[in-house]
């Protein structure tokens, strides 16, 4: 899917590219006061469909959006909400799943637990 990168779309993508991690639509909107929230949501959905960004669910109230230079997965600390990015051998994970007659197109892994943060 090819999309035209208008100035507003470029601004939204720039916010996501500059941020290390995932942002909600509300957080993106807060950084772009000249773009209304509905436009932000509409374009985030478009970017997800075009595979320019990933939509991730890390257990927050809002869906999050992330630009990924390299595909990766997430580990979320249920105590302090820290998010750790990690890579894993996706092909091995697909084999472990043992899904018969099912072609895995995308693998998104979110691991929840507690980190060894200093409290």
N, C-alpha and C. Protein backbone atom coordinates (compact mmCIF):
# COMPACT_ATOMS: atom_id res chain seq x y z
N UNK A 1 0.85 -1.17 0.00
CA UNK A 1 0.00 0.00 0.00
C UNK A 1 0.89 1.23 0.00
N UNK A 2 0.70 2.07 -0.98
CA UNK A 2 1.48 3.29 -1.08
C UNK A 2 0.60 4.48 -0.70
N UNK A 3 1.15 5.36 0.13
CA UNK A 3 0.39 6.53 0.55
C UNK A 3 1.18 7.79 0.24
N UNK A 4 0.46 8.87 0.02
CA UNK A 4 1.08 10.17 -0.22
C UNK A 4 1.45 10.78 1.12
N UNK A 5 2.71 11.18 1.27
CA UNK A 5 3.15 11.78 2.52
C UNK A 5 2.94 13.30 2.47
N UNK A 6 1.77 13.70 2.93
CA UNK A 6 1.44 15.12 3.02
C UNK A 6 2.25 15.73 4.18
N UNK A 7 2.31 17.06 4.28
CA UNK A 7 3.04 17.67 5.40
C UNK A 7 2.53 17.20 6.78
N UNK A 8 1.23 17.06 6.95
CA UNK A 8 0.70 16.58 8.24
C UNK A 8 1.13 15.14 8.50
N UNK A 9 1.05 14.31 7.50
CA UNK A 9 1.47 12.91 7.66
C UNK A 9 2.96 12.83 7.98
N UNK A 10 3.75 13.66 7.30
CA UNK A 10 5.19 13.68 7.55
C UNK A 10 5.46 14.11 8.98
N UNK A 11 4.71 15.07 9.49
CA UNK A 11 4.88 15.53 10.87
C UNK A 11 4.58 14.42 11.86
N UNK A 12 3.51 13.69 11.63
CA UNK A 12 3.13 12.59 12.53
C UNK A 12 4.21 11.50 12.52
N UNK A 13 4.68 11.13 11.33
CA UNK A 13 5.74 10.13 11.22
C UNK A 13 7.02 10.61 11.89
N UNK A 14 7.33 11.89 11.75
CA UNK A 14 8.55 12.45 12.35
C UNK A 14 8.51 12.33 13.87
N UNK A 15 7.35 12.58 14.47
CA UNK A 15 7.22 12.44 15.92
C UNK A 15 7.50 11.00 16.33
N UNK A 16 6.94 10.05 15.61
CA UNK A 16 7.14 8.64 15.95
C UNK A 16 8.58 8.20 15.72
N UNK A 17 9.20 8.67 14.66
CA UNK A 17 10.59 8.30 14.37
C UNK A 17 11.54 8.86 15.42
N UNK A 18 11.25 10.04 15.92
CA UNK A 18 12.13 10.70 16.89
C UNK A 18 12.02 10.12 18.29
N UNK A 19 10.92 9.42 18.55
CA UNK A 19 10.67 8.90 19.90
C UNK A 19 11.12 7.44 19.97
N UNK A 20 11.94 7.13 20.96
CA UNK A 20 12.35 5.73 21.15
C UNK A 20 11.28 5.06 22.00
N UNK A 21 10.46 4.26 21.38
CA UNK A 21 9.37 3.59 22.08
C UNK A 21 8.04 3.91 21.43
N UNK A 22 6.99 3.55 22.12
CA UNK A 22 5.65 3.68 21.58
C UNK A 22 4.93 4.89 22.19
N UNK A 23 4.08 5.51 21.40
CA UNK A 23 3.27 6.65 21.84
C UNK A 23 1.81 6.39 21.55
N UNK A 24 0.94 6.93 22.36
CA UNK A 24 -0.49 6.89 22.08
C UNK A 24 -0.83 8.00 21.10
N UNK A 25 -2.00 7.93 20.51
CA UNK A 25 -2.45 8.99 19.61
C UNK A 25 -2.53 10.32 20.36
N UNK A 26 -2.94 10.28 21.61
CA UNK A 26 -3.03 11.49 22.43
C UNK A 26 -1.65 12.10 22.64
N UNK A 27 -0.65 11.26 22.86
CA UNK A 27 0.72 11.75 23.05
C UNK A 27 1.27 12.35 21.75
N UNK A 28 0.97 11.73 20.62
CA UNK A 28 1.39 12.28 19.33
C UNK A 28 0.72 13.64 19.13
N UNK A 29 -0.58 13.69 19.39
CA UNK A 29 -1.34 14.93 19.23
C UNK A 29 -0.78 16.05 20.11
N UNK A 30 -0.35 15.73 21.32
CA UNK A 30 0.20 16.74 22.23
C UNK A 30 1.46 17.38 21.67
N UNK A 31 2.18 16.67 20.82
CA UNK A 31 3.40 17.20 20.22
C UNK A 31 3.11 17.95 18.92
N UNK A 32 1.88 17.83 18.43
CA UNK A 32 1.49 18.46 17.16
C UNK A 32 0.17 19.21 17.34
N UNK A 33 0.21 20.29 18.06
CA UNK A 33 -1.02 21.02 18.40
C UNK A 33 -1.76 21.56 17.17
N UNK A 34 -1.06 21.72 16.06
CA UNK A 34 -1.71 22.24 14.85
C UNK A 34 -2.47 21.18 14.07
N UNK A 35 -2.40 19.92 14.51
CA UNK A 35 -3.11 18.82 13.85
C UNK A 35 -4.15 18.28 14.82
N UNK A 36 -5.42 18.21 14.38
CA UNK A 36 -6.47 17.76 15.31
C UNK A 36 -6.35 16.27 15.58
N UNK A 37 -6.90 15.85 16.71
CA UNK A 37 -6.77 14.48 17.19
C UNK A 37 -7.38 13.46 16.22
N UNK A 38 -8.50 13.79 15.60
CA UNK A 38 -9.14 12.88 14.64
C UNK A 38 -8.20 12.61 13.47
N UNK A 39 -7.53 13.65 13.00
CA UNK A 39 -6.57 13.49 11.90
C UNK A 39 -5.41 12.61 12.33
N UNK A 40 -4.94 12.78 13.55
CA UNK A 40 -3.85 11.94 14.07
C UNK A 40 -4.30 10.48 14.07
N UNK A 41 -5.47 10.19 14.64
CA UNK A 41 -5.97 8.81 14.68
C UNK A 41 -6.11 8.23 13.27
N UNK A 42 -6.71 8.99 12.38
CA UNK A 42 -6.95 8.51 11.01
C UNK A 42 -5.63 8.16 10.32
N UNK A 43 -4.63 9.02 10.49
CA UNK A 43 -3.35 8.77 9.83
C UNK A 43 -2.56 7.66 10.50
N UNK A 44 -2.66 7.53 11.81
CA UNK A 44 -2.00 6.39 12.47
C UNK A 44 -2.57 5.08 11.95
N UNK A 45 -3.87 5.00 11.81
CA UNK A 45 -4.50 3.79 11.25
C UNK A 45 -4.01 3.52 9.83
N UNK A 46 -3.90 4.58 9.04
CA UNK A 46 -3.42 4.45 7.66
C UNK A 46 -1.97 3.96 7.65
N UNK A 47 -1.13 4.50 8.53
CA UNK A 47 0.27 4.08 8.60
C UNK A 47 0.40 2.62 9.02
N UNK A 48 -0.46 2.17 9.92
CA UNK A 48 -0.44 0.77 10.35
C UNK A 48 -0.79 -0.12 9.16
N UNK A 49 -1.84 0.23 8.43
CA UNK A 49 -2.25 -0.56 7.26
C UNK A 49 -1.16 -0.60 6.20
N UNK A 50 -0.41 0.52 6.06
CA UNK A 50 0.66 0.60 5.07
C UNK A 50 1.96 -0.01 5.61
N UNK A 51 1.94 -0.48 6.86
CA UNK A 51 3.09 -1.11 7.52
C UNK A 51 4.27 -0.15 7.68
N UNK A 52 3.96 1.15 7.84
CA UNK A 52 5.00 2.14 8.13
C UNK A 52 5.31 2.19 9.62
N UNK A 53 4.31 1.86 10.43
CA UNK A 53 4.46 1.81 11.89
C UNK A 53 3.75 0.57 12.40
N UNK A 54 3.99 0.26 13.67
CA UNK A 54 3.31 -0.88 14.29
C UNK A 54 2.37 -0.38 15.37
N UNK A 55 1.24 -1.02 15.48
CA UNK A 55 0.30 -0.77 16.57
C UNK A 55 0.59 -1.84 17.62
N UNK A 56 0.85 -1.41 18.85
CA UNK A 56 1.20 -2.36 19.90
C UNK A 56 0.30 -2.16 21.11
N UNK A 57 0.02 -3.25 21.77
CA UNK A 57 -0.78 -3.21 22.99
C UNK A 57 0.13 -3.65 24.13
N UNK A 58 0.49 -2.68 24.97
CA UNK A 58 1.39 -2.98 26.08
C UNK A 58 0.66 -2.94 27.41
N UNK A 59 -0.66 -3.13 27.36
CA UNK A 59 -1.44 -3.17 28.58
C UNK A 59 -1.88 -1.82 29.10
N UNK A 60 -1.77 -0.78 28.27
CA UNK A 60 -2.22 0.55 28.67
C UNK A 60 -3.67 0.73 28.25
N UNK A 61 -4.27 1.83 28.70
CA UNK A 61 -5.66 2.12 28.34
C UNK A 61 -5.82 2.43 26.86
N UNK A 62 -4.79 3.01 26.26
CA UNK A 62 -4.85 3.37 24.85
C UNK A 62 -3.93 2.47 24.03
N UNK A 63 -4.29 2.28 22.76
CA UNK A 63 -3.42 1.56 21.85
C UNK A 63 -2.20 2.45 21.61
N UNK A 64 -1.05 1.83 21.42
CA UNK A 64 0.19 2.58 21.21
C UNK A 64 0.70 2.34 19.80
N UNK A 65 1.48 3.30 19.31
CA UNK A 65 2.01 3.24 17.96
C UNK A 65 3.51 3.46 18.01
N UNK A 66 4.22 2.69 17.18
CA UNK A 66 5.68 2.72 17.26
C UNK A 66 6.29 2.60 15.87
N UNK A 67 7.27 3.43 15.62
CA UNK A 67 8.10 3.29 14.43
C UNK A 67 9.27 2.39 14.82
N UNK A 68 9.48 1.32 14.09
CA UNK A 68 10.54 0.38 14.43
C UNK A 68 11.60 0.36 13.33
N UNK A 69 12.82 0.82 13.68
CA UNK A 69 13.93 0.70 12.73
C UNK A 69 14.24 -0.77 12.47
N UNK A 70 14.22 -1.54 13.55
CA UNK A 70 14.44 -2.97 13.48
C UNK A 70 13.25 -3.66 14.15
N UNK A 71 12.71 -4.70 13.55
CA UNK A 71 11.61 -5.42 14.21
C UNK A 71 12.06 -5.92 15.58
N UNK A 72 11.20 -5.80 16.56
CA UNK A 72 11.52 -6.25 17.91
C UNK A 72 10.25 -6.56 18.69
N UNK A 73 10.43 -7.11 19.85
CA UNK A 73 9.33 -7.46 20.74
C UNK A 73 9.46 -6.64 22.02
N UNK A 74 8.53 -6.83 22.95
CA UNK A 74 8.51 -6.02 24.16
C UNK A 74 8.35 -6.88 25.41
N UNK A 75 9.06 -6.46 26.47
CA UNK A 75 8.86 -7.03 27.80
C UNK A 75 8.41 -5.86 28.67
N UNK A 76 7.29 -6.04 29.38
CA UNK A 76 6.71 -4.97 30.19
C UNK A 76 6.74 -5.36 31.66
N UNK A 77 7.33 -4.48 32.48
CA UNK A 77 7.35 -4.71 33.92
C UNK A 77 5.98 -4.32 34.49
N UNK A 78 5.33 -5.25 35.13
CA UNK A 78 4.00 -4.98 35.70
C UNK A 78 4.08 -4.20 37.01
N UNK A 79 5.30 -3.99 37.50
CA UNK A 79 5.49 -3.24 38.73
C UNK A 79 5.78 -1.76 38.44
N UNK A 80 6.74 -1.48 37.55
CA UNK A 80 7.14 -0.09 37.29
C UNK A 80 6.78 0.40 35.89
N UNK A 81 6.17 -0.44 35.06
CA UNK A 81 5.75 -0.11 33.68
C UNK A 81 6.91 0.10 32.71
N UNK A 82 8.12 -0.27 33.09
CA UNK A 82 9.26 -0.17 32.19
C UNK A 82 9.03 -1.09 31.00
N UNK A 83 9.39 -0.62 29.79
CA UNK A 83 9.27 -1.43 28.58
C UNK A 83 10.67 -1.70 28.07
N UNK A 84 10.99 -2.98 27.89
CA UNK A 84 12.28 -3.40 27.37
C UNK A 84 12.07 -3.93 25.96
N UNK A 85 12.86 -3.44 25.03
CA UNK A 85 12.79 -3.92 23.65
C UNK A 85 13.81 -5.05 23.49
N UNK A 86 13.39 -6.14 22.83
CA UNK A 86 14.31 -7.25 22.61
C UNK A 86 13.99 -7.93 21.29
N UNK A 87 14.98 -8.61 20.76
CA UNK A 87 14.76 -9.40 19.54
C UNK A 87 14.76 -10.87 19.93
N UNK A 88 14.10 -11.65 19.13
CA UNK A 88 14.01 -13.09 19.35
C UNK A 88 13.96 -13.77 17.98
N UNK A 89 14.39 -15.01 17.92
CA UNK A 89 14.37 -15.73 16.64
C UNK A 89 12.93 -16.07 16.22
N UNK A 90 12.33 -15.19 15.45
CA UNK A 90 10.92 -15.36 15.06
C UNK A 90 10.63 -16.71 14.40
N UNK A 91 11.55 -17.19 13.58
CA UNK A 91 11.30 -18.47 12.91
C UNK A 91 11.22 -19.61 13.91
N UNK A 92 12.04 -19.56 14.94
CA UNK A 92 11.98 -20.60 15.98
C UNK A 92 10.68 -20.50 16.77
N UNK A 93 10.25 -19.28 17.04
CA UNK A 93 8.99 -19.08 17.77
C UNK A 93 7.83 -19.62 16.94
N UNK A 94 7.84 -19.34 15.64
CA UNK A 94 6.77 -19.85 14.77
C UNK A 94 6.72 -21.37 14.81
N UNK A 95 7.89 -22.01 14.81
CA UNK A 95 7.94 -23.48 14.88
C UNK A 95 7.38 -23.97 16.21
N UNK A 96 7.76 -23.29 17.31
CA UNK A 96 7.27 -23.68 18.63
C UNK A 96 5.76 -23.57 18.75
N UNK A 97 5.18 -22.62 18.05
CA UNK A 97 3.73 -22.45 18.10
C UNK A 97 3.01 -23.67 17.53
N UNK A 98 3.62 -24.32 16.56
CA UNK A 98 3.06 -25.55 16.00
C UNK A 98 1.70 -25.37 15.35
N UNK A 99 1.49 -24.23 14.74
CA UNK A 99 0.19 -23.97 14.09
C UNK A 99 0.14 -24.67 12.74
N UNK A 100 -0.74 -25.63 12.63
CA UNK A 100 -0.91 -26.37 11.39
C UNK A 100 -1.85 -25.61 10.46
N UNK A 101 -1.57 -25.64 9.18
CA UNK A 101 -2.44 -25.01 8.17
C UNK A 101 -2.70 -23.53 8.47
N UNK A 102 -1.65 -22.84 8.94
CA UNK A 102 -1.78 -21.42 9.27
C UNK A 102 -0.47 -20.72 8.93
N UNK A 103 -0.54 -19.73 8.05
CA UNK A 103 0.65 -18.98 7.66
C UNK A 103 0.77 -17.74 8.54
N UNK A 104 1.77 -17.72 9.40
CA UNK A 104 2.01 -16.57 10.27
C UNK A 104 2.61 -15.45 9.43
N UNK A 105 1.92 -14.33 9.34
CA UNK A 105 2.39 -13.19 8.56
C UNK A 105 3.18 -12.21 9.41
N UNK A 106 2.82 -12.14 10.66
CA UNK A 106 3.49 -11.21 11.56
C UNK A 106 3.46 -11.79 12.97
N UNK A 107 4.52 -11.56 13.69
CA UNK A 107 4.62 -12.07 15.05
C UNK A 107 4.89 -10.89 15.98
N UNK A 108 4.01 -10.71 16.96
CA UNK A 108 4.18 -9.66 17.94
C UNK A 108 4.16 -10.31 19.32
N UNK A 109 5.27 -10.21 20.02
CA UNK A 109 5.40 -10.87 21.30
C UNK A 109 5.54 -9.82 22.40
N UNK A 110 4.66 -9.88 23.40
CA UNK A 110 4.75 -9.02 24.57
C UNK A 110 4.83 -9.92 25.79
N UNK A 111 5.92 -9.78 26.52
CA UNK A 111 6.15 -10.57 27.72
C UNK A 111 5.91 -9.67 28.92
N UNK A 112 5.16 -10.15 29.90
CA UNK A 112 4.89 -9.37 31.10
C UNK A 112 5.50 -10.07 32.30
N UNK A 113 6.08 -9.26 33.18
CA UNK A 113 6.72 -9.77 34.38
C UNK A 113 7.26 -8.61 35.18
N UNK A 114 8.25 -8.85 36.01
CA UNK A 114 8.83 -7.76 36.79
C UNK A 114 10.33 -7.70 36.52
N UNK A 115 10.81 -6.46 36.38
CA UNK A 115 12.24 -6.25 36.16
C UNK A 115 12.93 -6.12 37.51
N UNK A 116 14.20 -6.10 37.48
CA UNK A 116 14.98 -6.00 38.73
C UNK A 116 15.38 -4.55 38.95
N UNK A 117 14.41 -3.65 38.87
CA UNK A 117 14.66 -2.23 39.08
C UNK A 117 14.96 -1.95 40.55
N UNK A 118 15.62 -0.87 40.74
CA UNK A 118 15.92 -0.48 42.13
C UNK A 118 14.80 0.42 42.61
N UNK A 119 14.13 0.07 43.68
CA UNK A 119 12.99 0.79 44.18
C UNK A 119 13.32 1.59 45.32
